[in-house]
C-alpha atoms as a PDB file:
ATOM      1  CA  UNK A   1      -8.506   1.686 -32.248  1.00  0.00           C
ATOM      2  CA  UNK A   2      -4.957   1.970 -33.597  1.00  0.00           C
ATOM      3  CA  UNK A   3      -2.164   3.976 -32.016  1.00  0.00           C
ATOM      4  CA  UNK A   4      -3.544   6.515 -29.514  1.00  0.00           C
ATOM      5  CA  UNK A   5      -0.510   8.736 -28.985  1.00  0.00           C
ATOM      6  CA  UNK A   6       3.143   8.989 -30.012  1.00  0.00           C
ATOM      7  CA  UNK A   7       5.654  11.179 -28.176  1.00  0.00           C
ATOM      8  CA  UNK A   8       9.117  11.836 -29.559  1.00  0.00           C
ATOM      9  CA  UNK A   9      11.094  12.533 -26.391  1.00  0.00           C
ATOM     10  CA  UNK A  10      14.415  13.062 -28.151  1.00  0.00           C
ATOM     11  CA  UNK A  11      16.298  11.798 -31.192  1.00  0.00           C
ATOM     12  CA  UNK A  12      16.609   8.265 -29.799  1.00  0.00           C
ATOM     13  CA  UNK A  13      13.626   7.976 -27.436  1.00  0.00           C
ATOM     14  CA  UNK A  14       9.971   7.436 -28.325  1.00  0.00           C
ATOM     15  CA  UNK A  15       6.796   6.753 -26.309  1.00  0.00           C
ATOM     16  CA  UNK A  16       3.819   4.974 -27.887  1.00  0.00           C
ATOM     17  CA  UNK A  17       0.398   4.548 -26.270  1.00  0.00           C
ATOM     18  CA  UNK A  18      -2.456   2.283 -27.399  1.00  0.00           C
ATOM     19  CA  UNK A  19      -6.123   2.560 -26.399  1.00  0.00           C
ATOM     20  CA  UNK A  20      -7.410  -0.986 -26.079  1.00  0.00           C
ATOM     21  CA  UNK A  21     -10.841  -1.133 -27.686  1.00  0.00           C
ATOM     22  CA  UNK A  22     -10.437  -4.331 -29.713  1.00  0.00           C
ATOM     23  CA  UNK A  23     -11.351  -7.845 -28.637  1.00  0.00           C
ATOM     24  CA  UNK A  24      -8.645 -10.373 -27.836  1.00  0.00           C
ATOM     25  CA  UNK A  25      -9.303 -12.147 -31.138  1.00  0.00           C
ATOM     26  CA  UNK A  26      -8.972  -8.903 -33.072  1.00  0.00           C
ATOM     27  CA  UNK A  27      -5.711  -8.065 -31.316  1.00  0.00           C
ATOM     28  CA  UNK A  28      -4.390 -11.583 -31.927  1.00  0.00           C
ATOM     29  CA  UNK A  29      -4.934 -11.330 -35.674  1.00  0.00           C
ATOM     30  CA  UNK A  30      -1.582 -11.199 -37.455  1.00  0.00           C
ATOM     31  CA  UNK A  31       0.466 -11.408 -34.244  1.00  0.00           C
ATOM     32  CA  UNK A  32       2.866 -14.319 -33.731  1.00  0.00           C
ATOM     33  CA  UNK A  33       4.199 -15.012 -30.242  1.00  0.00           C
ATOM     34  CA  UNK A  34       7.204 -16.899 -28.934  1.00  0.00           C
ATOM     35  CA  UNK A  35       6.343 -20.077 -27.041  1.00  0.00           C
ATOM     36  CA  UNK A  36       7.223 -18.339 -23.767  1.00  0.00           C
ATOM     37  CA  UNK A  37       4.815 -15.474 -24.439  1.00  0.00           C
ATOM     38  CA  UNK A  38       2.116 -17.758 -25.823  1.00  0.00           C
ATOM     39  CA  UNK A  39       2.298 -19.750 -22.598  1.00  0.00           C
ATOM     40  CA  UNK A  40       2.004 -16.501 -20.630  1.00  0.00           C
ATOM     41  CA  UNK A  41      -1.101 -15.442 -22.517  1.00  0.00           C
ATOM     42  CA  UNK A  42      -2.661 -18.891 -22.226  1.00  0.00           C
ATOM     43  CA  UNK A  43      -2.153 -18.730 -18.470  1.00  0.00           C
ATOM     44  CA  UNK A  44      -3.873 -15.366 -18.037  1.00  0.00           C
ATOM     45  CA  UNK A  45      -7.379 -15.559 -16.586  1.00  0.00           C
ATOM     46  CA  UNK A  46      -8.297 -11.919 -17.211  1.00  0.00           C
ATOM     47  CA  UNK A  47      -9.457 -10.991 -20.704  1.00  0.00           C
ATOM     48  CA  UNK A  48      -8.316  -7.430 -20.013  1.00  0.00           C
ATOM     49  CA  UNK A  49      -4.791  -8.635 -19.210  1.00  0.00           C
ATOM     50  CA  UNK A  50      -4.719 -10.733 -22.367  1.00  0.00           C
ATOM     51  CA  UNK A  51      -5.831  -7.773 -24.476  1.00  0.00           C
ATOM     52  CA  UNK A  52      -3.246  -5.539 -22.789  1.00  0.00           C
ATOM     53  CA  UNK A  53      -0.515  -8.059 -23.514  1.00  0.00           C
ATOM     54  CA  UNK A  54      -1.467  -8.327 -27.181  1.00  0.00           C
ATOM     55  CA  UNK A  55      -1.823  -4.564 -27.629  1.00  0.00           C
ATOM     56  CA  UNK A  56       1.821  -4.202 -26.571  1.00  0.00           C
ATOM     57  CA  UNK A  57       2.770  -6.475 -29.486  1.00  0.00           C
ATOM     58  CA  UNK A  58       0.970  -4.070 -31.820  1.00  0.00           C
ATOM     59  CA  UNK A  59       2.964  -1.210 -30.313  1.00  0.00           C
ATOM     60  CA  UNK A  60       6.138  -3.175 -31.008  1.00  0.00           C
ATOM     61  CA  UNK A  61       5.023  -3.576 -34.614  1.00  0.00           C
ATOM     62  CA  UNK A  62       4.563   0.189 -34.870  1.00  0.00           C
ATOM     63  CA  UNK A  63       8.319   0.637 -34.342  1.00  0.00           C
ATOM     64  CA  UNK A  64       9.452  -2.311 -36.433  1.00  0.00           C
ATOM     65  CA  UNK A  65       9.733  -5.075 -33.816  1.00  0.00           C
ATOM     66  CA  UNK A  66       7.950  -8.356 -33.189  1.00  0.00           C
ATOM     67  CA  UNK A  67       7.539 -10.519 -30.121  1.00  0.00           C
ATOM     68  CA  UNK A  68      10.566 -12.500 -31.306  1.00  0.00           C
ATOM     69  CA  UNK A  69      12.757  -9.403 -30.827  1.00  0.00           C
ATOM     70  CA  UNK A  70      11.793  -9.245 -27.149  1.00  0.00           C
ATOM     71  CA  UNK A  71      13.076 -11.238 -24.194  1.00  0.00           C
ATOM     72  CA  UNK A  72      12.897 -10.997 -20.402  1.00  0.00           C
ATOM     73  CA  UNK A  73      15.670 -11.335 -17.831  1.00  0.00           C
ATOM     74  CA  UNK A  74      15.486 -13.146 -14.485  1.00  0.00           C
ATOM     75  CA  UNK A  75      13.938 -10.066 -12.828  1.00  0.00           C
ATOM     76  CA  UNK A  76      11.225  -9.884 -15.474  1.00  0.00           C
ATOM     77  CA  UNK A  77      12.668  -6.809 -17.172  1.00  0.00           C
ATOM     78  CA  UNK A  78      12.096  -6.732 -20.945  1.00  0.00           C
ATOM     79  CA  UNK A  79      14.965  -6.308 -23.399  1.00  0.00           C
ATOM     80  CA  UNK A  80      15.327  -6.044 -27.166  1.00  0.00           C
ATOM     81  CA  UNK A  81      17.768  -8.239 -29.044  1.00  0.00           C
ATOM     82  CA  UNK A  82      19.298  -5.290 -30.900  1.00  0.00           C
ATOM     83  CA  UNK A  83      20.413  -3.693 -27.626  1.00  0.00           C
ATOM     84  CA  UNK A  84      17.817  -0.920 -27.544  1.00  0.00           C
ATOM     85  CA  UNK A  85      16.235  -0.251 -24.155  1.00  0.00           C
ATOM     86  CA  UNK A  86      12.501  -0.879 -23.701  1.00  0.00           C
ATOM     87  CA  UNK A  87       9.954  -0.520 -20.919  1.00  0.00           C
ATOM     88  CA  UNK A  88       6.346  -1.723 -21.060  1.00  0.00           C
ATOM     89  CA  UNK A  89       3.136  -0.871 -19.207  1.00  0.00           C
ATOM     90  CA  UNK A  90      -0.597  -1.479 -19.396  1.00  0.00           C
ATOM     91  CA  UNK A  91      -3.484  -0.413 -17.183  1.00  0.00           C
ATOM     92  CA  UNK A  92      -7.133  -1.187 -17.930  1.00  0.00           C
ATOM     93  CA  UNK A  93      -7.800   0.107 -21.474  1.00  0.00           C
ATOM     94  CA  UNK A  94      -4.405   1.689 -22.134  1.00  0.00           C
ATOM     95  CA  UNK A  95      -0.979   0.224 -22.816  1.00  0.00           C
ATOM     96  CA  UNK A  96       2.337   1.860 -23.588  1.00  0.00           C
ATOM     97  CA  UNK A  97       5.977   1.321 -24.420  1.00  0.00           C
ATOM     98  CA  UNK A  98       9.053   3.519 -24.389  1.00  0.00           C
ATOM     99  CA  UNK A  99      12.100   2.676 -26.510  1.00  0.00           C
ATOM    100  CA  UNK A 100      15.470   4.406 -26.266  1.00  0.00           C
ATOM    101  CA  UNK A 101      19.238   4.121 -26.469  1.00  0.00           C
ATOM    102  CA  UNK A 102      19.243   5.033 -22.752  1.00  0.00           C
ATOM    103  CA  UNK A 103      17.898   3.244 -19.715  1.00  0.00           C
ATOM    104  CA  UNK A 104      14.218   4.142 -19.448  1.00  0.00           C
ATOM    105  CA  UNK A 105      11.021   3.299 -17.577  1.00  0.00           C
ATOM    106  CA  UNK A 106       7.318   3.907 -18.175  1.00  0.00           C
ATOM    107  CA  UNK A 107       4.092   3.452 -16.244  1.00  0.00           C
ATOM    108  CA  UNK A 108       0.412   4.111 -16.940  1.00  0.00           C
ATOM    109  CA  UNK A 109      -2.030   4.282 -14.040  1.00  0.00           C
ATOM    110  CA  UNK A 110      -5.750   4.917 -13.745  1.00  0.00           C
ATOM    111  CA  UNK A 111      -6.520   7.820 -11.423  1.00  0.00           C
ATOM    112  CA  UNK A 112      -8.507   6.317  -8.536  1.00  0.00           C
ATOM    113  CA  UNK A 113      -9.500   7.499  -5.071  1.00  0.00           C
ATOM    114  CA  UNK A 114      -8.145   4.352  -3.452  1.00  0.00           C
ATOM    115  CA  UNK A 115      -4.579   5.547  -4.021  1.00  0.00           C
ATOM    116  CA  UNK A 116      -5.033   7.845  -1.018  1.00  0.00           C
ATOM    117  CA  UNK A 117      -5.504   4.794   1.226  1.00  0.00           C
ATOM    118  CA  UNK A 118      -2.183   3.259   0.210  1.00  0.00           C
ATOM    119  CA  UNK A 119      -0.127   6.468  -0.013  1.00  0.00           C
ATOM    120  CA  UNK A 120       1.698   5.619   3.225  1.00  0.00           C
ATOM    121  CA  UNK A 121       3.247   2.639   1.452  1.00  0.00           C
ATOM    122  CA  UNK A 122       5.108   4.687  -1.161  1.00  0.00           C
ATOM    123  CA  UNK A 123       5.190   8.320   0.073  1.00  0.00           C
ATOM    124  CA  UNK A 124       7.880   9.371   2.522  1.00  0.00           C
ATOM    125  CA  UNK A 125      10.100  12.316   1.613  1.00  0.00           C
ATOM    126  CA  UNK A 126       7.272  13.663  -0.590  1.00  0.00           C
ATOM    127  CA  UNK A 127       4.857  13.981   2.347  1.00  0.00           C
ATOM    128  CA  UNK A 128       5.581  17.648   3.092  1.00  0.00           C
ATOM    129  CA  UNK A 129       5.009  18.588  -0.548  1.00  0.00           C
ATOM    130  CA  UNK A 130       1.820  16.520  -0.650  1.00  0.00           C
ATOM    131  CA  UNK A 131       0.348  18.178   2.441  1.00  0.00           C
ATOM    132  CA  UNK A 132       0.561  21.582   0.755  1.00  0.00           C
ATOM    133  CA  UNK A 133      -1.606  20.509  -2.196  1.00  0.00           C
ATOM    134  CA  UNK A 134      -5.318  21.110  -2.628  1.00  0.00           C
ATOM    135  CA  UNK A 135      -7.444  18.123  -1.703  1.00  0.00           C
ATOM    136  CA  UNK A 136      -9.066  18.026  -5.157  1.00  0.00           C
ATOM    137  CA  UNK A 137      -5.614  17.504  -6.741  1.00  0.00           C
ATOM    138  CA  UNK A 138      -4.410  14.833  -4.352  1.00  0.00           C
ATOM    139  CA  UNK A 139      -5.397  11.788  -6.405  1.00  0.00           C
ATOM    140  CA  UNK A 140      -3.717  13.222  -9.505  1.00  0.00           C
ATOM    141  CA  UNK A 141      -0.532  14.082  -7.592  1.00  0.00           C
ATOM    142  CA  UNK A 142      -0.339  10.722  -5.841  1.00  0.00           C
ATOM    143  CA  UNK A 143      -0.841   8.962  -9.165  1.00  0.00           C
ATOM    144  CA  UNK A 144       2.064  10.918 -10.646  1.00  0.00           C
ATOM    145  CA  UNK A 145       4.273  10.057  -7.661  1.00  0.00           C
ATOM    146  CA  UNK A 146       3.337   6.376  -7.836  1.00  0.00           C
ATOM    147  CA  UNK A 147       3.806   6.243 -11.617  1.00  0.00           C
ATOM    148  CA  UNK A 148       7.189   7.964 -11.306  1.00  0.00           C
ATOM    149  CA  UNK A 149       8.372   5.478  -8.706  1.00  0.00           C
ATOM    150  CA  UNK A 150       7.035   2.546 -10.695  1.00  0.00           C
ATOM    151  CA  UNK A 151       8.821   3.733 -13.842  1.00  0.00           C
ATOM    152  CA  UNK A 152      12.041   4.244 -11.881  1.00  0.00           C
ATOM    153  CA  UNK A 153      11.734   0.786 -10.356  1.00  0.00           C
ATOM    154  CA  UNK A 154      11.459  -0.676 -13.863  1.00  0.00           C
ATOM    155  CA  UNK A 155      14.474   1.314 -15.039  1.00  0.00           C
ATOM    156  CA  UNK A 156      16.654   0.490 -12.019  1.00  0.00           C
ATOM    157  CA  UNK A 157      15.664  -3.205 -12.036  1.00  0.00           C
ATOM    158  CA  UNK A 158      17.395  -4.088  -8.775  1.00  0.00           C
ATOM    159  CA  UNK A 159      16.022  -6.458  -6.160  1.00  0.00           C
ATOM    160  CA  UNK A 160      15.489  -4.786  -2.798  1.00  0.00           C
ATOM    161  CA  UNK A 161      14.766  -1.295  -4.101  1.00  0.00           C
ATOM    162  CA  UNK A 162      12.019   0.333  -2.004  1.00  0.00           C
ATOM    163  CA  UNK A 163       9.522   2.896  -3.329  1.00  0.00           C
ATOM    164  CA  UNK A 164       9.282   4.509   0.089  1.00  0.00           C
ATOM    165  CA  UNK A 165      12.854   4.352   1.360  1.00  0.00           C
ATOM    166  CA  UNK A 166      15.058   4.672  -1.713  1.00  0.00           C
ATOM    167  CA  UNK A 167      13.182   6.716  -4.347  1.00  0.00           C
ATOM    168  CA  UNK A 168      12.526  10.448  -3.897  1.00  0.00           C
ATOM    169  CA  UNK A 169      10.364  12.530  -6.242  1.00  0.00           C
ATOM    170  CA  UNK A 170      10.997  16.280  -6.239  1.00  0.00           C
ATOM    171  CA  UNK A 171       8.077  18.676  -5.720  1.00  0.00           C
ATOM    172  CA  UNK A 172       6.329  19.675  -8.940  1.00  0.00           C
ATOM    173  CA  UNK A 173       3.511  21.643 -10.531  1.00  0.00           C
ATOM    174  CA  UNK A 174       1.043  19.449 -12.433  1.00  0.00           C
ATOM    175  CA  UNK A 175       0.810  21.836 -15.380  1.00  0.00           C
ATOM    176  CA  UNK A 176       4.592  21.733 -15.867  1.00  0.00           C
ATOM    177  CA  UNK A 177       4.384  18.021 -16.797  1.00  0.00           C
ATOM    178  CA  UNK A 178       7.929  17.522 -15.512  1.00  0.00           C
ATOM    179  CA  UNK A 179       9.851  16.835 -12.327  1.00  0.00           C
ATOM    180  CA  UNK A 180      13.064  15.178 -11.182  1.00  0.00           C
ATOM    181  CA  UNK A 181      13.943  12.316  -8.891  1.00  0.00           C
ATOM    182  CA  UNK A 182      16.743  10.703  -6.952  1.00  0.00           C
ATOM    183  CA  UNK A 183      17.453   7.090  -6.126  1.00  0.00           C
ATOM    184  CA  UNK A 184      19.684   6.487  -3.119  1.00  0.00           C
ATOM    185  CA  UNK A 185      20.383   2.798  -2.832  1.00  0.00           C
ATOM    186  CA  UNK A 186      23.240   1.319  -0.837  1.00  0.00           C
ATOM    187  CA  UNK A 187      26.314   3.411  -1.750  1.00  0.00           C
ATOM    188  CA  UNK A 188      24.974   4.746  -5.037  1.00  0.00           C
ATOM    189  CA  UNK A 189      23.087   7.983  -5.788  1.00  0.00           C
ATOM    190  CA  UNK A 190      21.565   8.543  -9.240  1.00  0.00           C
ATOM    191  CA  UNK A 191      19.407  11.289 -10.729  1.00  0.00           C
ATOM    192  CA  UNK A 192      16.548  11.149 -13.208  1.00  0.00           C
ATOM    193  CA  UNK A 193      14.220  13.337 -15.251  1.00  0.00           C
ATOM    194  CA  UNK A 194      10.518  12.551 -14.986  1.00  0.00           C
ATOM    195  CA  UNK A 195       7.860  13.533 -17.536  1.00  0.00           C
ATOM    196  CA  UNK A 196       4.137  12.884 -17.221  1.00  0.00           C
ATOM    197  CA  UNK A 197       0.876  13.424 -19.073  1.00  0.00           C
ATOM    198  CA  UNK A 198      -2.801  12.885 -18.282  1.00  0.00           C
ATOM    199  CA  UNK A 199      -5.585  11.661 -20.568  1.00  0.00           C
ATOM    200  CA  UNK A 200      -9.087  10.253 -20.067  1.00  0.00           C
ATOM    201  CA  UNK A 201      -8.598   9.797 -16.321  1.00  0.00           C
ATOM    202  CA  UNK A 202      -5.207   8.105 -16.695  1.00  0.00           C
ATOM    203  CA  UNK A 203      -1.643   9.218 -15.977  1.00  0.00           C
ATOM    204  CA  UNK A 204       1.415   8.175 -17.978  1.00  0.00           C
ATOM    205  CA  UNK A 205       4.843   8.746 -16.454  1.00  0.00           C
ATOM    206  CA  UNK A 206       8.199   8.051 -18.069  1.00  0.00           C
ATOM    207  CA  UNK A 207      11.750   8.568 -16.880  1.00  0.00           C
ATOM    208  CA  UNK A 208      15.299   8.832 -18.201  1.00  0.00           C
ATOM    209  CA  UNK A 209      18.651   9.384 -16.482  1.00  0.00           C
ATOM    210  CA  UNK A 210      19.678  13.022 -16.165  1.00  0.00           C
ATOM    211  CA  UNK A 211      22.462  14.107 -18.471  1.00  0.00           C
ATOM    212  CA  UNK A 212      25.742  14.847 -16.727  1.00  0.00           C
END
Protein backbone atom coordinates (compact mmCIF):
# COMPACT_ATOMS: atom_id res chain seq x y z
CA UNK A 1 0.00 0.00 0.00
CA UNK A 2 1.34 3.48 -0.75
CA UNK A 3 1.11 6.47 1.56
CA UNK A 4 -1.52 5.90 4.28
CA UNK A 5 -1.93 9.42 5.64
CA UNK A 6 -0.48 12.91 5.22
CA UNK A 7 -0.98 15.68 7.77
CA UNK A 8 -0.01 19.26 7.05
CA UNK A 9 0.65 20.61 10.54
CA UNK A 10 1.63 24.09 9.41
CA UNK A 11 3.35 25.79 6.48
CA UNK A 12 6.70 24.15 7.21
CA UNK A 13 5.74 20.93 9.03
CA UNK A 14 4.35 17.72 7.54
CA UNK A 15 3.60 14.24 8.92
CA UNK A 16 3.55 11.20 6.62
CA UNK A 17 2.41 7.70 7.62
CA UNK A 18 2.89 4.45 5.69
CA UNK A 19 0.97 1.19 6.19
CA UNK A 20 3.45 -1.61 5.65
CA UNK A 21 1.76 -4.29 3.57
CA UNK A 22 4.54 -4.97 1.05
CA UNK A 23 7.26 -7.59 1.30
CA UNK A 24 10.84 -6.59 1.99
CA UNK A 25 11.74 -7.25 -1.65
CA UNK A 26 8.90 -5.07 -2.87
CA UNK A 27 9.92 -2.25 -0.53
CA UNK A 28 13.56 -2.59 -1.60
CA UNK A 29 12.71 -2.13 -5.27
CA UNK A 30 14.05 1.21 -6.50
CA UNK A 31 15.54 2.18 -3.13
CA UNK A 32 19.28 2.81 -2.84
CA UNK A 33 20.87 2.89 0.61
CA UNK A 34 24.09 4.34 1.96
CA UNK A 35 26.62 1.73 3.07
CA UNK A 36 25.86 2.58 6.71
CA UNK A 37 22.13 1.96 6.25
CA UNK A 38 22.68 -1.11 4.09
CA UNK A 39 24.81 -2.56 6.87
CA UNK A 40 22.04 -1.76 9.36
CA UNK A 41 19.42 -3.54 7.28
CA UNK A 42 21.69 -6.53 6.69
CA UNK A 43 22.17 -6.83 10.44
CA UNK A 44 18.45 -6.87 11.25
CA UNK A 45 17.06 -10.29 12.12
CA UNK A 46 13.39 -9.29 12.07
CA UNK A 47 11.68 -9.11 8.69
CA UNK A 48 9.21 -6.65 10.19
CA UNK A 49 12.04 -4.33 11.25
CA UNK A 50 13.59 -4.55 7.80
CA UNK A 51 10.28 -3.69 6.15
CA UNK A 52 9.75 -0.81 8.58
CA UNK A 53 13.20 0.55 7.79
CA UNK A 54 12.61 0.40 4.04
CA UNK A 55 9.12 1.91 4.26
CA UNK A 56 10.68 4.99 5.88
CA UNK A 57 12.83 5.40 2.76
CA UNK A 58 9.64 5.45 0.69
CA UNK A 59 8.27 8.15 2.97
CA UNK A 60 11.45 10.14 2.38
CA UNK A 61 10.90 9.78 -1.36
CA UNK A 62 7.38 11.16 -0.96
CA UNK A 63 8.87 14.49 0.17
CA UNK A 64 11.78 14.57 -2.25
CA UNK A 65 14.57 12.98 -0.19
CA UNK A 66 16.62 9.81 -0.46
CA UNK A 67 18.60 7.80 2.06
CA UNK A 68 21.67 9.76 0.97
CA UNK A 69 20.09 12.97 2.33
CA UNK A 70 19.84 11.41 5.79
CA UNK A 71 22.48 10.97 8.47
CA UNK A 72 22.56 10.11 12.18
CA UNK A 73 24.45 11.79 15.01
CA UNK A 74 26.26 10.08 17.89
CA UNK A 75 22.99 9.80 19.86
CA UNK A 76 21.26 8.11 16.94
CA UNK A 77 19.12 11.13 16.07
CA UNK A 78 18.41 11.48 12.34
CA UNK A 79 19.19 14.68 10.45
CA UNK A 80 18.77 15.93 6.89
CA UNK A 81 21.68 17.44 5.00
CA UNK A 82 19.68 20.51 3.97
CA UNK A 83 19.15 21.49 7.61
CA UNK A 84 15.49 20.50 7.84
CA UNK A 85 14.47 18.71 11.04
CA UNK A 86 13.25 15.11 10.82
CA UNK A 87 11.97 12.47 13.23
CA UNK A 88 11.26 8.84 12.35
CA UNK A 89 9.14 6.06 13.85
CA UNK A 90 7.84 2.60 13.02
CA UNK A 91 5.73 0.12 14.96
CA UNK A 92 4.56 -3.22 13.56
CA UNK A 93 2.76 -2.44 10.27
CA UNK A 94 2.97 1.36 10.41
CA UNK A 95 5.84 3.79 9.96
CA UNK A 96 5.95 7.56 10.00
CA UNK A 97 8.10 10.64 9.61
CA UNK A 98 7.69 14.29 10.49
CA UNK A 99 9.69 16.99 8.71
CA UNK A 100 9.85 20.64 9.76
CA UNK A 101 11.90 23.80 10.04
CA UNK A 102 11.47 23.42 13.83
CA UNK A 103 12.67 20.79 16.25
CA UNK A 104 10.13 17.96 16.15
CA UNK A 105 9.50 14.42 17.35
CA UNK A 106 7.12 11.63 16.36
CA UNK A 107 6.14 8.22 17.68
CA UNK A 108 3.71 5.50 16.61
CA UNK A 109 2.66 2.84 19.11
CA UNK A 110 0.33 -0.14 18.98
CA UNK A 111 -2.34 0.02 21.67
CA UNK A 112 -1.71 -3.00 23.91
CA UNK A 113 -2.89 -4.07 27.36
CA UNK A 114 0.66 -4.69 28.53
CA UNK A 115 1.30 -0.94 28.71
CA UNK A 116 -0.63 -0.93 32.00
CA UNK A 117 2.02 -3.22 33.54
CA UNK A 118 4.86 -0.83 32.74
CA UNK A 119 3.05 2.46 33.42
CA UNK A 120 4.99 2.94 36.67
CA UNK A 121 8.16 3.30 34.60
CA UNK A 122 7.02 6.41 32.72
CA UNK A 123 4.03 7.87 34.61
CA UNK A 124 4.66 10.14 37.58
CA UNK A 125 3.09 13.60 37.57
CA UNK A 126 0.33 12.25 35.28
CA UNK A 127 -0.83 9.68 37.84
CA UNK A 128 -3.60 11.82 39.36
CA UNK A 129 -5.05 12.54 35.92
CA UNK A 130 -4.80 8.87 34.98
CA UNK A 131 -6.66 7.69 38.08
CA UNK A 132 -9.68 9.80 37.12
CA UNK A 133 -10.08 8.07 33.74
CA UNK A 134 -12.45 5.24 32.90
CA UNK A 135 -10.79 1.84 32.93
CA UNK A 136 -11.83 1.14 29.32
CA UNK A 137 -9.86 4.22 28.18
CA UNK A 138 -6.72 3.52 30.17
CA UNK A 139 -4.75 1.72 27.46
CA UNK A 140 -5.49 4.50 24.96
CA UNK A 141 -4.50 7.22 27.43
CA UNK A 142 -1.32 5.48 28.53
CA UNK A 143 -0.36 4.96 24.90
CA UNK A 144 -0.79 8.68 24.24
CA UNK A 145 1.32 9.54 27.30
CA UNK A 146 4.05 7.09 26.30
CA UNK A 147 4.02 8.25 22.67
CA UNK A 148 4.20 11.89 23.78
CA UNK A 149 7.18 11.21 26.00
CA UNK A 150 8.89 9.15 23.33
CA UNK A 151 8.42 11.91 20.75
CA UNK A 152 9.73 14.50 23.21
CA UNK A 153 12.73 12.32 23.99
CA UNK A 154 13.53 12.17 20.27
CA UNK A 155 13.15 15.94 19.94
CA UNK A 156 15.21 16.79 23.03
CA UNK A 157 17.94 14.25 22.17
CA UNK A 158 19.87 14.64 25.42
CA UNK A 159 21.52 11.81 27.32
CA UNK A 160 20.13 11.38 30.82
CA UNK A 161 16.62 12.64 30.11
CA UNK A 162 14.08 10.56 32.06
CA UNK A 163 10.51 9.86 30.90
CA UNK A 164 9.33 9.66 34.49
CA UNK A 165 11.32 12.39 36.21
CA UNK A 166 11.81 15.10 33.60
CA UNK A 167 8.87 14.99 31.16
CA UNK A 168 5.35 16.03 32.21
CA UNK A 169 2.26 15.62 30.01
CA UNK A 170 -0.69 17.88 30.81
CA UNK A 171 -4.14 16.35 31.35
CA UNK A 172 -6.17 15.99 28.16
CA UNK A 173 -9.40 14.80 26.59
CA UNK A 174 -8.87 12.08 23.97
CA UNK A 175 -11.35 13.61 21.52
CA UNK A 176 -9.47 16.93 21.57
CA UNK A 177 -6.44 15.25 19.94
CA UNK A 178 -4.16 17.81 21.60
CA UNK A 179 -2.32 18.46 24.84
CA UNK A 180 0.79 20.23 26.10
CA UNK A 181 3.93 19.19 27.91
CA UNK A 182 6.87 20.44 29.89
CA UNK A 183 10.44 19.23 30.11
CA UNK A 184 12.34 20.23 33.24
CA UNK A 185 15.91 19.08 32.92
CA UNK A 186 18.78 20.44 34.99
CA UNK A 187 18.36 24.25 34.94
CA UNK A 188 16.23 24.41 31.80
CA UNK A 189 12.43 24.42 31.42
CA UNK A 190 10.87 24.11 27.95
CA UNK A 191 7.29 23.83 26.71
CA UNK A 192 5.78 21.83 23.87
CA UNK A 193 2.55 21.26 21.96
CA UNK A 194 1.47 17.65 21.54
CA UNK A 195 -0.92 16.36 18.87
CA UNK A 196 -2.14 12.78 18.52
CA UNK A 197 -4.37 10.62 16.36
CA UNK A 198 -5.60 7.03 16.50
CA UNK A 199 -6.11 4.56 13.65
CA UNK A 200 -6.54 0.79 13.37
CA UNK A 201 -5.54 0.19 16.99
CA UNK A 202 -2.46 2.42 16.79
CA UNK A 203 -1.63 5.85 18.21
CA UNK A 204 0.56 8.45 16.51
CA UNK A 205 1.88 11.34 18.59
CA UNK A 206 3.95 14.26 17.37
CA UNK A 207 5.34 17.30 19.13
CA UNK A 208 6.70 20.77 18.40
CA UNK A 209 8.02 23.55 20.66
CA UNK A 210 5.39 26.03 21.80
CA UNK A 211 5.57 29.42 20.16
CA UNK A 212 6.69 32.21 22.46
